[in-house]
């Protein structure tokens, strides 16, 4: 499985609403990892995890400054 952009992850999640995976739709969005350079992971391979459809990065900001967080959609 590859780390994809947020746009592709949302598209994959939306597709499961009409074509469920294993009879279930992707409704769970979970923080996968957090780090300053997580955006550099887009396009790289990550291990296949049962039930995870897509892993994507999202830019966030807190009192310490900007960072990237990895999220995943799972079924």
PDB file of N, CA and C in Angstrom:
ATOM      1  N   UNK A   1       0.852  -1.162   0.000  1.00  0.00           N
ATOM      2  CA  UNK A   1       0.000   0.000   0.000  1.00  0.00           C
ATOM      3  C   UNK A   1       0.901   1.228   0.000  1.00  0.00           C
ATOM      4  N   UNK A   2       0.493   2.255  -0.731  1.00  0.00           N
ATOM      5  CA  UNK A   2       1.251   3.494  -0.792  1.00  0.00           C
ATOM      6  C   UNK A   2       0.574   4.574   0.037  1.00  0.00           C
ATOM      7  N   UNK A   3       1.379   5.506   0.530  1.00  0.00           N
ATOM      8  CA  UNK A   3       0.843   6.696   1.188  1.00  0.00           C
ATOM      9  C   UNK A   3       0.351   7.605   0.067  1.00  0.00           C
ATOM     10  N   UNK A   4      -0.908   8.000   0.113  1.00  0.00           N
ATOM     11  CA  UNK A   4      -1.517   8.792  -0.961  1.00  0.00           C
ATOM     12  C   UNK A   4      -1.832  10.193  -0.456  1.00  0.00           C
ATOM     13  N   UNK A   5      -2.237  11.053  -1.371  1.00  0.00           N
ATOM     14  CA  UNK A   5      -2.635  12.406  -0.985  1.00  0.00           C
ATOM     15  C   UNK A   5      -4.007  12.352  -0.312  1.00  0.00           C
ATOM     16  N   UNK A   6      -4.358  13.411   0.391  1.00  0.00           N
ATOM     17  CA  UNK A   6      -5.643  13.451   1.089  1.00  0.00           C
ATOM     18  C   UNK A   6      -6.798  13.364   0.096  1.00  0.00           C
ATOM     19  N   UNK A   7      -6.633  13.975  -1.049  1.00  0.00           N
ATOM     20  CA  UNK A   7      -7.667  13.952  -2.077  1.00  0.00           C
ATOM     21  C   UNK A   7      -7.964  12.516  -2.514  1.00  0.00           C
ATOM     22  N   UNK A   8      -6.904  11.725  -2.756  1.00  0.00           N
ATOM     23  CA  UNK A   8      -7.095  10.339  -3.159  1.00  0.00           C
ATOM     24  C   UNK A   8      -7.686   9.505  -2.029  1.00  0.00           C
ATOM     25  N   UNK A   9      -7.285   9.787  -0.799  1.00  0.00           N
ATOM     26  CA  UNK A   9      -7.816   9.043   0.348  1.00  0.00           C
ATOM     27  C   UNK A   9      -9.308   9.289   0.521  1.00  0.00           C
ATOM     28  N   UNK A  10      -9.738  10.530   0.369  1.00  0.00           N
ATOM     29  CA  UNK A  10     -11.166  10.850   0.493  1.00  0.00           C
ATOM     30  C   UNK A  10     -11.942  10.187  -0.636  1.00  0.00           C
ATOM     31  N   UNK A  11     -11.364  10.166  -1.835  1.00  0.00           N
ATOM     32  CA  UNK A  11     -12.015   9.508  -2.966  1.00  0.00           C
ATOM     33  C   UNK A  11     -12.185   8.011  -2.688  1.00  0.00           C
ATOM     34  N   UNK A  12     -11.135   7.358  -2.185  1.00  0.00           N
ATOM     35  CA  UNK A  12     -11.222   5.936  -1.860  1.00  0.00           C
ATOM     36  C   UNK A  12     -12.250   5.683  -0.768  1.00  0.00           C
ATOM     37  N   UNK A  13     -12.303   6.558   0.216  1.00  0.00           N
ATOM     38  CA  UNK A  13     -13.274   6.407   1.294  1.00  0.00           C
ATOM     39  C   UNK A  13     -14.697   6.560   0.770  1.00  0.00           C
ATOM     40  N   UNK A  14     -14.897   7.518  -0.127  1.00  0.00           N
ATOM     41  CA  UNK A  14     -16.217   7.737  -0.711  1.00  0.00           C
ATOM     42  C   UNK A  14     -16.643   6.556  -1.570  1.00  0.00           C
ATOM     43  N   UNK A  15     -15.683   5.957  -2.300  1.00  0.00           N
ATOM     44  CA  UNK A  15     -16.014   4.799  -3.128  1.00  0.00           C
ATOM     45  C   UNK A  15     -16.533   3.640  -2.292  1.00  0.00           C
ATOM     46  N   UNK A  16     -16.033   3.479  -1.063  1.00  0.00           N
ATOM     47  CA  UNK A  16     -16.493   2.376  -0.231  1.00  0.00           C
ATOM     48  C   UNK A  16     -17.934   2.559   0.227  1.00  0.00           C
ATOM     49  N   UNK A  17     -18.456   3.785   0.133  1.00  0.00           N
ATOM     50  CA  UNK A  17     -19.864   3.989   0.468  1.00  0.00           C
ATOM     51  C   UNK A  17     -20.761   3.279  -0.535  1.00  0.00           C
ATOM     52  N   UNK A  18     -20.286   3.192  -1.796  1.00  0.00           N
ATOM     53  CA  UNK A  18     -21.082   2.578  -2.853  1.00  0.00           C
ATOM     54  C   UNK A  18     -20.661   1.151  -3.148  1.00  0.00           C
ATOM     55  N   UNK A  19     -19.383   0.818  -2.880  1.00  0.00           N
ATOM     56  CA  UNK A  19     -18.874  -0.540  -3.067  1.00  0.00           C
ATOM     57  C   UNK A  19     -18.158  -0.938  -1.784  1.00  0.00           C
ATOM     58  N   UNK A  20     -18.883  -1.417  -0.783  1.00  0.00           N
ATOM     59  CA  UNK A  20     -18.269  -1.750   0.507  1.00  0.00           C
ATOM     60  C   UNK A  20     -17.172  -2.797   0.382  1.00  0.00           C
ATOM     61  N   UNK A  21     -16.145  -2.667   1.212  1.00  0.00           N
ATOM     62  CA  UNK A  21     -15.061  -3.632   1.292  1.00  0.00           C
ATOM     63  C   UNK A  21     -15.396  -4.599   2.422  1.00  0.00           C
ATOM     64  N   UNK A  22     -15.488  -5.879   2.095  1.00  0.00           N
ATOM     65  CA  UNK A  22     -15.860  -6.906   3.068  1.00  0.00           C
ATOM     66  C   UNK A  22     -17.187  -6.581   3.757  1.00  0.00           C
ATOM     67  N   UNK A  23     -18.096  -5.943   3.017  1.00  0.00           N
ATOM     68  CA  UNK A  23     -19.410  -5.625   3.565  1.00  0.00           C
ATOM     69  C   UNK A  23     -19.429  -4.417   4.483  1.00  0.00           C
ATOM     70  N   UNK A  24     -18.314  -3.687   4.595  1.00  0.00           N
ATOM     71  CA  UNK A  24     -18.253  -2.539   5.503  1.00  0.00           C
ATOM     72  C   UNK A  24     -17.773  -1.301   4.752  1.00  0.00           C
ATOM     73  N   UNK A  25     -18.187  -0.144   5.214  1.00  0.00           N
ATOM     74  CA  UNK A  25     -17.757   1.110   4.611  1.00  0.00           C
ATOM     75  C   UNK A  25     -16.678   1.749   5.482  1.00  0.00           C
ATOM     76  N   UNK A  26     -15.877   2.611   4.863  1.00  0.00           N
ATOM     77  CA  UNK A  26     -14.783   3.277   5.590  1.00  0.00           C
ATOM     78  C   UNK A  26     -15.354   4.467   6.356  1.00  0.00           C
ATOM     79  N   UNK A  27     -15.537   4.302   7.631  1.00  0.00           N
ATOM     80  CA  UNK A  27     -16.082   5.389   8.434  1.00  0.00           C
ATOM     81  C   UNK A  27     -15.097   5.846   9.504  1.00  0.00           C
ATOM     82  N   UNK A  28     -14.024   5.100   9.696  1.00  0.00           N
ATOM     83  CA  UNK A  28     -13.086   5.410  10.762  1.00  0.00           C
ATOM     84  C   UNK A  28     -11.879   6.140  10.213  1.00  0.00           C
ATOM     85  N   UNK A  29     -11.590   7.299  10.787  1.00  0.00           N
ATOM     86  CA  UNK A  29     -10.389   8.050  10.427  1.00  0.00           C
ATOM     87  C   UNK A  29      -9.532   8.115  11.685  1.00  0.00           C
ATOM     88  N   UNK A  30      -8.337   7.580  11.610  1.00  0.00           N
ATOM     89  CA  UNK A  30      -7.485   7.432  12.776  1.00  0.00           C
ATOM     90  C   UNK A  30      -6.133   8.072  12.530  1.00  0.00           C
ATOM     91  N   UNK A  31      -5.566   8.706  13.554  1.00  0.00           N
ATOM     92  CA  UNK A  31      -4.211   9.232  13.433  1.00  0.00           C
ATOM     93  C   UNK A  31      -3.251   8.059  13.421  1.00  0.00           C
ATOM     94  N   UNK A  32      -2.412   8.025  12.421  1.00  0.00           N
ATOM     95  CA  UNK A  32      -1.494   6.927  12.195  1.00  0.00           C
ATOM     96  C   UNK A  32      -0.119   7.253  12.779  1.00  0.00           C
ATOM     97  N   UNK A  33       0.365   8.462  12.549  1.00  0.00           N
ATOM     98  CA  UNK A  33       1.675   8.880  13.028  1.00  0.00           C
ATOM     99  C   UNK A  33       1.724  10.396  12.947  1.00  0.00           C
ATOM    100  N   UNK A  34       2.679  11.000  13.625  1.00  0.00           N
ATOM    101  CA  UNK A  34       2.800  12.445  13.638  1.00  0.00           C
ATOM    102  C   UNK A  34       4.281  12.795  13.571  1.00  0.00           C
ATOM    103  N   UNK A  35       4.620  13.727  12.703  1.00  0.00           N
ATOM    104  CA  UNK A  35       6.018  14.120  12.608  1.00  0.00           C
ATOM    105  C   UNK A  35       6.201  15.291  11.679  1.00  0.00           C
ATOM    106  N   UNK A  36       7.341  15.931  11.776  1.00  0.00           N
ATOM    107  CA  UNK A  36       7.608  17.132  11.003  1.00  0.00           C
ATOM    108  C   UNK A  36       7.740  16.843   9.509  1.00  0.00           C
ATOM    109  N   UNK A  37       8.235  15.654   9.164  1.00  0.00           N
ATOM    110  CA  UNK A  37       8.517  15.354   7.764  1.00  0.00           C
ATOM    111  C   UNK A  37       7.619  14.275   7.179  1.00  0.00           C
ATOM    112  N   UNK A  38       6.438  14.102   7.712  1.00  0.00           N
ATOM    113  CA  UNK A  38       5.528  13.060   7.229  1.00  0.00           C
ATOM    114  C   UNK A  38       5.092  13.310   5.796  1.00  0.00           C
ATOM    115  N   UNK A  39       5.102  14.556   5.319  1.00  0.00           N
ATOM    116  CA  UNK A  39       4.692  14.843   3.953  1.00  0.00           C
ATOM    117  C   UNK A  39       5.655  14.223   2.947  1.00  0.00           C
ATOM    118  N   UNK A  40       6.893  13.977   3.331  1.00  0.00           N
ATOM    119  CA  UNK A  40       7.865  13.361   2.434  1.00  0.00           C
ATOM    120  C   UNK A  40       7.548  11.894   2.161  1.00  0.00           C
ATOM    121  N   UNK A  41       6.585  11.329   2.861  1.00  0.00           N
ATOM    122  CA  UNK A  41       6.247   9.918   2.700  1.00  0.00           C
ATOM    123  C   UNK A  41       5.246   9.660   1.585  1.00  0.00           C
ATOM    124  N   UNK A  42       4.650  10.713   0.999  1.00  0.00           N
ATOM    125  CA  UNK A  42       3.661  10.513  -0.068  1.00  0.00           C
ATOM    126  C   UNK A  42       4.314   9.782  -1.226  1.00  0.00           C
ATOM    127  N   UNK A  43       3.664   8.711  -1.662  1.00  0.00           N
ATOM    128  CA  UNK A  43       4.174   7.900  -2.760  1.00  0.00           C
ATOM    129  C   UNK A  43       5.049   6.748  -2.310  1.00  0.00           C
ATOM    130  N   UNK A  44       5.437   6.721  -1.057  1.00  0.00           N
ATOM    131  CA  UNK A  44       6.268   5.627  -0.554  1.00  0.00           C
ATOM    132  C   UNK A  44       5.405   4.471  -0.089  1.00  0.00           C
ATOM    133  N   UNK A  45       6.007   3.304  -0.081  1.00  0.00           N
ATOM    134  CA  UNK A  45       5.307   2.102   0.356  1.00  0.00           C
ATOM    135  C   UNK A  45       5.226   2.053   1.878  1.00  0.00           C
ATOM    136  N   UNK A  46       4.119   1.530   2.390  1.00  0.00           N
ATOM    137  CA  UNK A  46       3.986   1.262   3.813  1.00  0.00           C
ATOM    138  C   UNK A  46       3.443  -0.152   3.949  1.00  0.00           C
ATOM    139  N   UNK A  47       3.652  -0.792   5.072  1.00  0.00           N
ATOM    140  CA  UNK A  47       3.196  -2.182   5.211  1.00  0.00           C
ATOM    141  C   UNK A  47       1.673  -2.286   5.114  1.00  0.00           C
ATOM    142  N   UNK A  48       1.220  -3.373   4.518  1.00  0.00           N
ATOM    143  CA  UNK A  48      -0.223  -3.621   4.435  1.00  0.00           C
ATOM    144  C   UNK A  48      -0.750  -3.985   5.812  1.00  0.00           C
ATOM    145  N   UNK A  49      -1.795  -3.286   6.219  1.00  0.00           N
ATOM    146  CA  UNK A  49      -2.430  -3.537   7.506  1.00  0.00           C
ATOM    147  C   UNK A  49      -3.871  -3.932   7.216  1.00  0.00           C
ATOM    148  N   UNK A  50      -4.310  -5.009   7.817  1.00  0.00           N
ATOM    149  CA  UNK A  50      -5.663  -5.506   7.563  1.00  0.00           C
ATOM    150  C   UNK A  50      -6.699  -4.445   7.915  1.00  0.00           C
ATOM    151  N   UNK A  51      -7.610  -4.178   6.973  1.00  0.00           N
ATOM    152  CA  UNK A  51      -8.696  -3.243   7.216  1.00  0.00           C
ATOM    153  C   UNK A  51      -8.403  -1.801   6.851  1.00  0.00           C
ATOM    154  N   UNK A  52      -7.160  -1.463   6.538  1.00  0.00           N
ATOM    155  CA  UNK A  52      -6.810  -0.078   6.189  1.00  0.00           C
ATOM    156  C   UNK A  52      -6.916   0.083   4.683  1.00  0.00           C
ATOM    157  N   UNK A  53      -7.674   1.083   4.242  1.00  0.00           N
ATOM    158  CA  UNK A  53      -7.853   1.330   2.811  1.00  0.00           C
ATOM    159  C   UNK A  53      -6.830   2.329   2.298  1.00  0.00           C
ATOM    160  N   UNK A  54      -6.594   3.396   3.061  1.00  0.00           N
ATOM    161  CA  UNK A  54      -5.704   4.455   2.593  1.00  0.00           C
ATOM    162  C   UNK A  54      -4.983   5.102   3.765  1.00  0.00           C
ATOM    163  N   UNK A  55      -3.733   5.489   3.530  1.00  0.00           N
ATOM    164  CA  UNK A  55      -2.939   6.258   4.485  1.00  0.00           C
ATOM    165  C   UNK A  55      -2.586   7.568   3.794  1.00  0.00           C
ATOM    166  N   UNK A  56      -2.820   8.702   4.465  1.00  0.00           N
ATOM    167  CA  UNK A  56      -2.552  10.006   3.859  1.00  0.00           C
ATOM    168  C   UNK A  56      -1.993  10.962   4.894  1.00  0.00           C
ATOM    169  N   UNK A  57      -1.350  12.038   4.411  1.00  0.00           N
ATOM    170  CA  UNK A  57      -0.794  13.032   5.329  1.00  0.00           C
ATOM    171  C   UNK A  57      -1.641  14.303   5.286  1.00  0.00           C
ATOM    172  N   UNK A  58      -1.673  14.994   6.398  1.00  0.00           N
ATOM    173  CA  UNK A  58      -2.440  16.226   6.515  1.00  0.00           C
ATOM    174  C   UNK A  58      -1.626  17.234   7.311  1.00  0.00           C
ATOM    175  N   UNK A  59      -1.590  18.455   6.846  1.00  0.00           N
ATOM    176  CA  UNK A  59      -0.834  19.493   7.540  1.00  0.00           C
ATOM    177  C   UNK A  59      -1.642  20.011   8.718  1.00  0.00           C
ATOM    178  N   UNK A  60      -0.985  20.118   9.850  1.00  0.00           N
ATOM    179  CA  UNK A  60      -1.618  20.610  11.070  1.00  0.00           C
ATOM    180  C   UNK A  60      -0.727  21.678  11.686  1.00  0.00           C
ATOM    181  N   UNK A  61      -1.263  22.390  12.659  1.00  0.00           N
ATOM    182  CA  UNK A  61      -0.503  23.432  13.330  1.00  0.00           C
ATOM    183  C   UNK A  61      -0.944  23.494  14.785  1.00  0.00           C
ATOM    184  N   UNK A  62       0.022  23.618  15.677  1.00  0.00           N
ATOM    185  CA  UNK A  62      -0.299  23.795  17.081  1.00  0.00           C
ATOM    186  C   UNK A  62       0.603  24.889  17.644  1.00  0.00           C
ATOM    187  N   UNK A  63       0.653  25.017  18.957  1.00  0.00           N
ATOM    188  CA  UNK A  63       1.418  26.102  19.569  1.00  0.00           C
ATOM    189  C   UNK A  63       2.911  26.004  19.295  1.00  0.00           C
ATOM    190  N   UNK A  64       3.400  24.800  18.963  1.00  0.00           N
ATOM    191  CA  UNK A  64       4.817  24.608  18.676  1.00  0.00           C
ATOM    192  C   UNK A  64       5.153  24.835  17.210  1.00  0.00           C
ATOM    193  N   UNK A  65       4.155  25.045  16.379  1.00  0.00           N
ATOM    194  CA  UNK A  65       4.391  25.296  14.962  1.00  0.00           C
ATOM    195  C   UNK A  65       3.756  24.237  14.079  1.00  0.00           C
ATOM    196  N   UNK A  66       4.021  24.319  12.771  1.00  0.00           N
ATOM    197  CA  UNK A  66       3.394  23.386  11.834  1.00  0.00           C
ATOM    198  C   UNK A  66       4.037  21.997  11.891  1.00  0.00           C
ATOM    199  N   UNK A  67       3.232  20.987  11.561  1.00  0.00           N
ATOM    200  CA  UNK A  67       3.711  19.614  11.461  1.00  0.00           C
ATOM    201  C   UNK A  67       2.784  18.860  10.518  1.00  0.00           C
ATOM    202  N   UNK A  68       3.171  17.660  10.142  1.00  0.00           N
ATOM    203  CA  UNK A  68       2.355  16.798   9.301  1.00  0.00           C
ATOM    204  C   UNK A  68       1.931  15.594  10.118  1.00  0.00           C
ATOM    205  N   UNK A  69       0.701  15.181   9.965  1.00  0.00           N
ATOM    206  CA  UNK A  69       0.205  13.998  10.654  1.00  0.00           C
ATOM    207  C   UNK A  69      -0.254  12.984   9.611  1.00  0.00           C
ATOM    208  N   UNK A  70       0.054  11.731   9.841  1.00  0.00           N
ATOM    209  CA  UNK A  70      -0.415  10.660   8.976  1.00  0.00           C
ATOM    210  C   UNK A  70      -1.726  10.119   9.531  1.00  0.00           C
ATOM    211  N   UNK A  71      -2.722  10.034   8.679  1.00  0.00           N
ATOM    212  CA  UNK A  71      -4.026   9.485   9.048  1.00  0.00           C
ATOM    213  C   UNK A  71      -4.321   8.303   8.150  1.00  0.00           C
ATOM    214  N   UNK A  72      -5.247   7.472   8.584  1.00  0.00           N
ATOM    215  CA  UNK A  72      -5.657   6.364   7.737  1.00  0.00           C
ATOM    216  C   UNK A  72      -7.173   6.195   7.821  1.00  0.00           C
ATOM    217  N   UNK A  73      -7.739   5.731   6.728  1.00  0.00           N
ATOM    218  CA  UNK A  73      -9.150   5.344   6.694  1.00  0.00           C
ATOM    219  C   UNK A  73      -9.183   3.820   6.787  1.00  0.00           C
ATOM    220  N   UNK A  74      -9.975   3.310   7.695  1.00  0.00           N
ATOM    221  CA  UNK A  74     -10.068   1.866   7.858  1.00  0.00           C
ATOM    222  C   UNK A  74     -11.527   1.423   7.853  1.00  0.00           C
ATOM    223  N   UNK A  75     -11.718   0.146   7.626  1.00  0.00           N
ATOM    224  CA  UNK A  75     -13.071  -0.416   7.611  1.00  0.00           C
ATOM    225  C   UNK A  75     -13.302  -1.247   8.835  1.00  0.00           C
TER     226      UNK A  75
END
